[in-house]
Amino acid sequence: MGKAVHRNRAKRLLRESIRPLLSQLPSGWDLILIARAPVLQAPFQEIQTALQGLLRRAGLLKHETSDHVR
């Protein structure tokens, strides 16, 4: 990832991306997120969407999130 500034930015981006999803994750799991260099240029919304999709595919989200209420 390069210098400490870049590594710290990647950690902050991933930490803030997963924060809204924490309440939906089951307890008893330790997650390890490995950032690659493209995360530094990706828009924040894209990071959030990718992380949510990854957790959904892994079966770790308790329920779907949506912006609208049915």
C-alpha atoms as a PDB file:
ATOM      1  CA  MET A   1       0.000   0.000   0.000  1.00  0.00           C
ATOM      2  CA  GLY A   2       2.922   2.360   0.263  1.00  0.00           C
ATOM      3  CA  LYS A   3       3.572   4.928   2.910  1.00  0.00           C
ATOM      4  CA  ALA A   4       1.879   5.148   6.299  1.00  0.00           C
ATOM      5  CA  VAL A   5      -0.378   7.981   5.128  1.00  0.00           C
ATOM      6  CA  HIS A   6      -1.869   5.719   2.445  1.00  0.00           C
ATOM      7  CA  ARG A   7      -2.190   2.725   4.760  1.00  0.00           C
ATOM      8  CA  ASN A   8      -3.940   4.836   7.397  1.00  0.00           C
ATOM      9  CA  ARG A   9      -6.325   6.331   4.836  1.00  0.00           C
ATOM     10  CA  ALA A  10      -7.222   2.841   3.591  1.00  0.00           C
ATOM     11  CA  LYS A  11      -7.893   1.721   7.179  1.00  0.00           C
ATOM     12  CA  ARG A  12     -10.103   4.743   7.820  1.00  0.00           C
ATOM     13  CA  LEU A  13     -12.060   4.164   4.608  1.00  0.00           C
ATOM     14  CA  LEU A  14     -12.690   0.509   5.430  1.00  0.00           C
ATOM     15  CA  ARG A  15     -13.524   1.247   9.067  1.00  0.00           C
ATOM     16  CA  GLU A  16     -16.100   3.891   8.116  1.00  0.00           C
ATOM     17  CA  SER A  17     -17.514   1.685   5.356  1.00  0.00           C
ATOM     18  CA  ILE A  18     -18.268  -1.172   7.728  1.00  0.00           C
ATOM     19  CA  ARG A  19     -19.506   0.958  10.641  1.00  0.00           C
ATOM     20  CA  PRO A  20     -23.160   1.162   9.431  1.00  0.00           C
ATOM     21  CA  LEU A  21     -23.212  -2.615   8.906  1.00  0.00           C
ATOM     22  CA  LEU A  22     -21.911  -3.639  12.343  1.00  0.00           C
ATOM     23  CA  SER A  23     -25.371  -4.007  13.860  1.00  0.00           C
ATOM     24  CA  GLN A  24     -26.280  -6.493  11.117  1.00  0.00           C
ATOM     25  CA  LEU A  25     -23.231  -8.717  11.559  1.00  0.00           C
ATOM     26  CA  PRO A  26     -23.517 -11.813  13.741  1.00  0.00           C
ATOM     27  CA  SER A  27     -21.411 -11.947  16.865  1.00  0.00           C
ATOM     28  CA  GLY A  28     -18.579 -14.413  17.154  1.00  0.00           C
ATOM     29  CA  TRP A  29     -16.866 -13.495  13.894  1.00  0.00           C
ATOM     30  CA  ASP A  30     -13.517 -11.819  13.404  1.00  0.00           C
ATOM     31  CA  LEU A  31     -13.238 -10.118  10.026  1.00  0.00           C
ATOM     32  CA  ILE A  32      -9.963  -9.287   8.356  1.00  0.00           C
ATOM     33  CA  LEU A  33     -10.182  -6.768   5.543  1.00  0.00           C
ATOM     34  CA  ILE A  34      -7.190  -6.485   3.251  1.00  0.00           C
ATOM     35  CA  ALA A  35      -7.028  -3.242   1.318  1.00  0.00           C
ATOM     36  CA  ARG A  36      -5.438  -3.030  -2.095  1.00  0.00           C
ATOM     37  CA  ALA A  37      -4.121   0.167  -3.659  1.00  0.00           C
ATOM     38  CA  PRO A  38      -7.245   0.894  -5.790  1.00  0.00           C
ATOM     39  CA  VAL A  39      -9.243   1.545  -2.598  1.00  0.00           C
ATOM     40  CA  LEU A  40      -7.410   4.862  -2.295  1.00  0.00           C
ATOM     41  CA  GLN A  41      -8.920   6.144  -5.559  1.00  0.00           C
ATOM     42  CA  ALA A  42     -12.363   4.555  -5.226  1.00  0.00           C
ATOM     43  CA  PRO A  43     -15.338   6.724  -4.277  1.00  0.00           C
ATOM     44  CA  PHE A  44     -16.509   6.102  -0.717  1.00  0.00           C
ATOM     45  CA  GLN A  45     -19.975   4.956  -1.877  1.00  0.00           C
ATOM     46  CA  GLU A  46     -18.357   2.364  -4.135  1.00  0.00           C
ATOM     47  CA  ILE A  47     -16.329   1.004  -1.202  1.00  0.00           C
ATOM     48  CA  GLN A  48     -19.479   0.771   0.942  1.00  0.00           C
ATOM     49  CA  THR A  49     -21.423  -1.007  -1.809  1.00  0.00           C
ATOM     50  CA  ALA A  50     -18.600  -3.469  -2.479  1.00  0.00           C
ATOM     51  CA  LEU A  51     -18.184  -4.262   1.210  1.00  0.00           C
ATOM     52  CA  GLN A  52     -21.931  -4.769   1.676  1.00  0.00           C
ATOM     53  CA  GLY A  53     -22.030  -7.075  -1.353  1.00  0.00           C
ATOM     54  CA  LEU A  54     -19.067  -9.057  -0.063  1.00  0.00           C
ATOM     55  CA  LEU A  55     -20.665  -9.549   3.353  1.00  0.00           C
ATOM     56  CA  ARG A  56     -23.976 -10.505   1.746  1.00  0.00           C
ATOM     57  CA  ARG A  57     -22.302 -13.107  -0.498  1.00  0.00           C
ATOM     58  CA  ALA A  58     -20.509 -14.503   2.555  1.00  0.00           C
ATOM     59  CA  GLY A  59     -23.874 -14.848   4.319  1.00  0.00           C
ATOM     60  CA  LEU A  60     -22.818 -12.598   7.183  1.00  0.00           C
ATOM     61  CA  LEU A  61     -25.500  -9.915   6.990  1.00  0.00           C
ATOM     62  CA  LYS A  62     -28.496 -10.683   9.207  1.00  0.00           C
ATOM     63  CA  HIS A  63     -30.954  -8.823   6.973  1.00  0.00           C
ATOM     64  CA  GLU A  64     -31.012  -6.698   3.865  1.00  0.00           C
ATOM     65  CA  THR A  65     -30.447  -2.969   4.087  1.00  0.00           C
ATOM     66  CA  SER A  66     -32.434  -0.582   1.966  1.00  0.00           C
ATOM     67  CA  ASP A  67     -33.117   3.096   1.844  1.00  0.00           C
ATOM     68  CA  HIS A  68     -36.846   2.640   1.382  1.00  0.00           C
ATOM     69  CA  VAL A  69     -39.479   1.166   3.652  1.00  0.00           C
ATOM     70  CA  ARG A  70     -42.054  -1.316   2.345  1.00  0.00           C
END
